[in-house]
Amino acid sequence: RKTVVQSPAARSARSVILHGTDDRFTVPAVALPTLGTSGVGSVAAVQRKWATLGTNDRVFDSKASDSATAAGFYVKSDAATASALAANAGDGTNQANSTVASGAVSGVRQIVGLTVSATQVQAFSNNTFATAVSRPVGSMDSGEDLTVMANSTGVEYSDGTVEAVIIQDAEMSAVDQALLVAYYGGGL
């Protein structure tokens, strides 16, 4: 297994992480966007799930606990419908939830993620953006590392591969997302 962390915090130009099919891994908190009361940022993963999708399987998660209001953010399979993706951002008191219907499908490459603007939180999967929702008013910085490809308990891996994790201190626009989908072949 090989994990490569490339980010400005790691003194490199791009944010990319690779791993094997039976691992979960973490990205250091210092490499995550600063999501204070007005901070903006995006996190996306190029992933392909292999096993039967479970509810609440995490694509990525920066929360210290499973509480929806806990500071941090996650994108995971939805609790009600595993093929939908649910994104959540919390500030310790408030939360924002955004669900995108065209979520992870077993064996199909997906570019999935979460973008946070100064006023909104929005999930996306390939070229589909969820309806934007108002962001929590407080800081969403949890100080926690980002766990990638964990199962519903957060302590074991979720069977799949991740080709890249894209982390940026900016909102991800529909144009940015379309370019990622085209580059990585999302939906194939």
Protein backbone atom coordinates (compact mmCIF):
# COMPACT_ATOMS: atom_id res chain seq x y z
CA ARG A 1 0.00 0.00 0.00
CA LYS A 2 1.16 3.48 -0.75
CA THR A 3 -0.22 6.75 0.51
CA VAL A 4 1.04 9.97 -1.01
CA VAL A 5 0.00 13.26 0.57
CA GLN A 6 0.65 16.25 -1.64
CA SER A 7 -0.62 19.63 -0.49
CA PRO A 8 0.63 23.13 0.27
CA ALA A 9 0.91 22.07 3.91
CA ALA A 10 3.07 19.13 2.80
CA ARG A 11 5.14 21.50 0.61
CA SER A 12 3.80 20.34 -2.76
CA ALA A 13 1.61 21.80 -5.48
CA ARG A 14 -1.38 19.44 -5.60
CA SER A 15 -3.62 17.69 -3.09
CA VAL A 16 -3.77 14.01 -4.04
CA ILE A 17 -3.99 10.78 -2.06
CA LEU A 18 -3.89 7.21 -3.39
CA HIS A 19 -4.53 3.92 -1.59
CA GLY A 20 -5.36 0.23 -1.97
CA THR A 21 -8.78 -1.38 -1.99
CA ASP A 22 -8.89 -2.55 1.62
CA ASP A 23 -7.68 0.51 3.47
CA ARG A 24 -9.06 3.59 5.04
CA PHE A 25 -6.68 6.48 5.44
CA THR A 26 -6.41 9.91 6.96
CA VAL A 27 -5.44 13.32 5.65
CA PRO A 28 -3.78 15.58 8.24
CA ALA A 29 -6.05 18.34 9.56
CA VAL A 30 -3.47 20.94 8.56
CA ALA A 31 -4.16 20.12 4.88
CA LEU A 32 -7.91 20.85 5.17
CA PRO A 33 -9.53 24.17 4.26
CA THR A 34 -9.96 26.62 7.13
CA LEU A 35 -13.72 26.79 7.58
CA GLY A 36 -14.07 29.45 10.21
CA THR A 37 -17.18 31.62 10.41
CA SER A 38 -16.66 32.90 6.86
CA GLY A 39 -14.08 30.46 5.46
CA VAL A 40 -14.70 28.79 2.10
CA GLY A 41 -13.42 25.49 0.80
CA SER A 42 -14.11 22.26 -1.05
CA VAL A 43 -13.23 18.63 -0.56
CA ALA A 44 -13.85 16.04 -3.27
CA ALA A 45 -12.94 12.39 -3.76
CA VAL A 46 -12.59 10.42 -6.96
CA GLN A 47 -13.85 7.05 -5.76
CA ARG A 48 -15.17 3.72 -6.93
CA LYS A 49 -17.05 1.56 -4.42
CA TRP A 50 -16.78 -2.22 -4.92
CA ALA A 51 -18.88 -3.83 -2.24
CA THR A 52 -22.59 -3.56 -1.68
CA LEU A 53 -23.13 -0.03 -0.52
CA GLY A 54 -24.02 0.29 3.13
CA THR A 55 -25.94 3.11 4.69
CA ASN A 56 -23.77 5.71 6.42
CA ASP A 57 -20.53 4.49 4.76
CA ARG A 58 -18.23 7.49 4.74
CA VAL A 59 -16.49 8.83 1.66
CA PHE A 60 -14.73 11.30 3.96
CA ASP A 61 -15.32 12.65 7.45
CA SER A 62 -13.62 15.33 9.60
CA LYS A 63 -15.93 15.11 12.63
CA ALA A 64 -14.76 13.95 16.06
CA SER A 65 -18.12 12.25 16.68
CA ASP A 66 -21.20 11.03 14.82
CA SER A 67 -23.24 13.97 16.09
CA ALA A 68 -24.73 15.90 13.17
CA THR A 69 -24.00 19.18 14.94
CA ALA A 70 -20.36 18.32 15.79
CA ALA A 71 -17.82 20.67 14.24
CA GLY A 72 -16.53 19.43 10.92
CA PHE A 73 -18.02 17.92 7.78
CA TYR A 74 -18.63 14.61 6.04
CA VAL A 75 -19.93 13.04 2.85
CA LYS A 76 -21.36 9.56 3.27
CA SER A 77 -23.97 7.25 1.81
CA ASP A 78 -27.39 8.31 2.99
CA ALA A 79 -28.93 6.62 6.04
CA ALA A 80 -32.17 5.92 4.16
CA THR A 81 -30.91 5.19 0.63
CA ALA A 82 -27.31 4.00 0.28
CA SER A 83 -27.12 5.06 -3.39
CA ALA A 84 -27.74 8.70 -2.40
CA LEU A 85 -24.99 10.80 -0.84
CA ALA A 86 -25.53 12.92 2.25
CA ALA A 87 -23.25 15.82 3.13
CA ASN A 88 -23.25 17.44 6.55
CA ALA A 89 -21.42 20.40 8.05
CA GLY A 90 -21.63 21.34 11.71
CA ASP A 91 -20.25 24.06 13.97
CA GLY A 92 -20.78 22.40 17.34
CA THR A 93 -24.32 23.76 17.73
CA ASN A 94 -25.87 24.05 14.27
CA GLN A 95 -25.81 21.84 11.21
CA ALA A 96 -26.43 21.93 7.47
CA ASN A 97 -27.45 18.85 5.46
CA SER A 98 -27.31 18.51 1.70
CA THR A 99 -28.26 15.27 -0.11
CA VAL A 100 -27.56 14.53 -3.76
CA ALA A 101 -29.71 11.82 -5.36
CA SER A 102 -27.22 10.50 -7.92
CA GLY A 103 -24.80 9.12 -5.38
CA ALA A 104 -22.25 6.34 -5.35
CA VAL A 105 -23.05 3.28 -7.44
CA SER A 106 -21.04 0.09 -6.91
CA GLY A 107 -18.32 -0.29 -9.55
CA VAL A 108 -18.81 3.15 -11.11
CA ARG A 109 -16.27 5.95 -10.72
CA GLN A 110 -17.77 8.97 -8.96
CA ILE A 111 -16.41 12.40 -8.23
CA VAL A 112 -18.20 13.33 -5.01
CA GLY A 113 -17.76 16.06 -2.51
CA LEU A 114 -18.81 19.10 -0.58
CA THR A 115 -18.29 22.77 -1.28
CA VAL A 116 -18.70 25.48 1.35
CA SER A 117 -19.25 29.13 0.44
CA ALA A 118 -19.50 32.08 2.81
CA THR A 119 -23.24 31.43 3.09
CA GLN A 120 -24.01 27.91 1.85
CA VAL A 121 -23.09 24.21 1.90
CA GLN A 122 -23.65 22.03 -1.16
CA ALA A 123 -22.98 18.37 -1.96
CA PHE A 124 -22.20 17.12 -5.46
CA SER A 125 -21.79 13.85 -7.35
CA ASN A 126 -20.31 13.95 -10.84
CA ASN A 127 -22.16 16.80 -12.59
CA THR A 128 -25.12 16.84 -10.19
CA PHE A 129 -25.22 19.47 -7.48
CA ALA A 130 -27.64 19.20 -4.56
CA THR A 131 -29.75 22.16 -3.57
CA ALA A 132 -27.53 24.53 -1.60
CA VAL A 133 -28.45 24.98 2.06
CA SER A 134 -27.51 27.70 4.55
CA ARG A 135 -24.23 26.97 6.30
CA PRO A 136 -23.82 26.83 10.07
CA VAL A 137 -23.05 30.25 11.56
CA GLY A 138 -20.06 29.17 13.67
CA SER A 139 -16.67 27.73 12.80
CA MET A 140 -16.75 24.30 11.17
CA ASP A 141 -13.09 23.64 11.97
CA SER A 142 -12.95 20.45 14.00
CA GLY A 143 -9.18 20.14 14.31
CA GLU A 144 -9.63 16.48 13.33
CA ASP A 145 -7.89 14.65 10.51
CA LEU A 146 -10.00 13.77 7.47
CA THR A 147 -10.82 10.03 7.43
CA VAL A 148 -11.35 8.67 3.92
CA MET A 149 -13.23 5.46 2.95
CA ALA A 150 -14.34 4.32 6.41
CA ASN A 151 -17.40 2.14 6.93
CA SER A 152 -20.45 3.18 8.94
CA THR A 153 -18.63 2.70 12.25
CA GLY A 154 -15.75 4.88 11.09
CA VAL A 155 -13.15 2.39 12.32
CA GLU A 156 -12.98 -0.10 9.44
CA TYR A 157 -12.50 0.41 5.72
CA SER A 158 -15.26 0.72 3.16
CA ASP A 159 -14.43 -1.51 0.18
CA GLY A 160 -13.50 0.71 -2.74
CA THR A 161 -10.69 2.66 -4.32
CA VAL A 162 -9.87 6.33 -4.21
CA GLU A 163 -7.89 7.76 -7.09
CA ALA A 164 -7.61 11.28 -5.70
CA VAL A 165 -8.76 13.58 -2.94
CA ILE A 166 -9.01 17.19 -4.03
CA ILE A 167 -8.80 19.78 -1.25
CA GLN A 168 -8.95 23.50 -1.93
CA ASP A 169 -9.45 26.76 -0.06
CA ALA A 170 -12.08 27.88 -2.58
CA GLU A 171 -15.61 27.06 -3.63
CA MET A 172 -15.88 24.41 -6.33
CA SER A 173 -18.01 25.74 -9.17
CA ALA A 174 -20.04 23.70 -11.63
CA VAL A 175 -17.33 24.40 -14.22
CA ASP A 176 -14.60 23.10 -11.87
CA GLN A 177 -16.68 20.01 -11.17
CA ALA A 178 -17.32 19.36 -14.87
CA LEU A 179 -13.58 19.56 -15.53
CA LEU A 180 -12.89 17.01 -12.77
CA VAL A 181 -15.57 14.68 -14.14
CA ALA A 182 -14.15 14.94 -17.65
CA TYR A 183 -10.54 14.47 -16.48
CA TYR A 184 -11.22 11.49 -14.22
CA GLY A 185 -13.99 9.92 -16.31
CA GLY A 186 -16.73 10.19 -13.70
CA GLY A 187 -19.65 7.86 -14.35
CA LEU A 188 -17.50 5.24 -16.10
